[in-house]
Amino acid sequence: MIDPIILSEIDADDAKSTFKLWLNDKYTLLVVLGTQEEAKLALQAAYKQINSGSVNYKSVRAIHAPVPEFIVPELKQLKVNPALNPINWANIGLYAILSLSNKYNNIGKIYSNIDITENTEGKINNLVLQAQAFDRP
């Protein structure tokens, strides 16, 4: 079983360095933001899909950022899919999960706490597809 990578919720420097380490790896990343119920739901769905045996998830990993504010500076430096609404970085707690492409680390898709609660597994699939579609310089 492939467990999620859990970033530190105490040490901001450790959370940042672990996150940067995974950014340099060649995985599509599903970044779960926070500890609210919607984030837990997203993390469970991501874990289930990653461990489903599907070929679509062999190069996907989940990262749980219990304190997303620790990695916001790194996230803000990444290119965002222009089809997305602007991300409210000051209120990152509004979001449950986002996807990062595997080569250029672009943000392909992001779901708010409200949006992730229905058809969660379908939305996890969409996160991966959008990250792969927006993997360009």
Foldseek 3Di string as FASTA:
>chain_A
DAAAAEADPPDLVRNQVVVVVQLPAQAKEKEFEADDPLLVVLRVLLVCVLPVPDPLNVRYHYYYYNHCLSCLVVLVPAAEDPVDDDDPSVPNLQWTIWIFARPRRYTQDTHGSVRCPPPNNVVSVVRSVSNPVPPDD
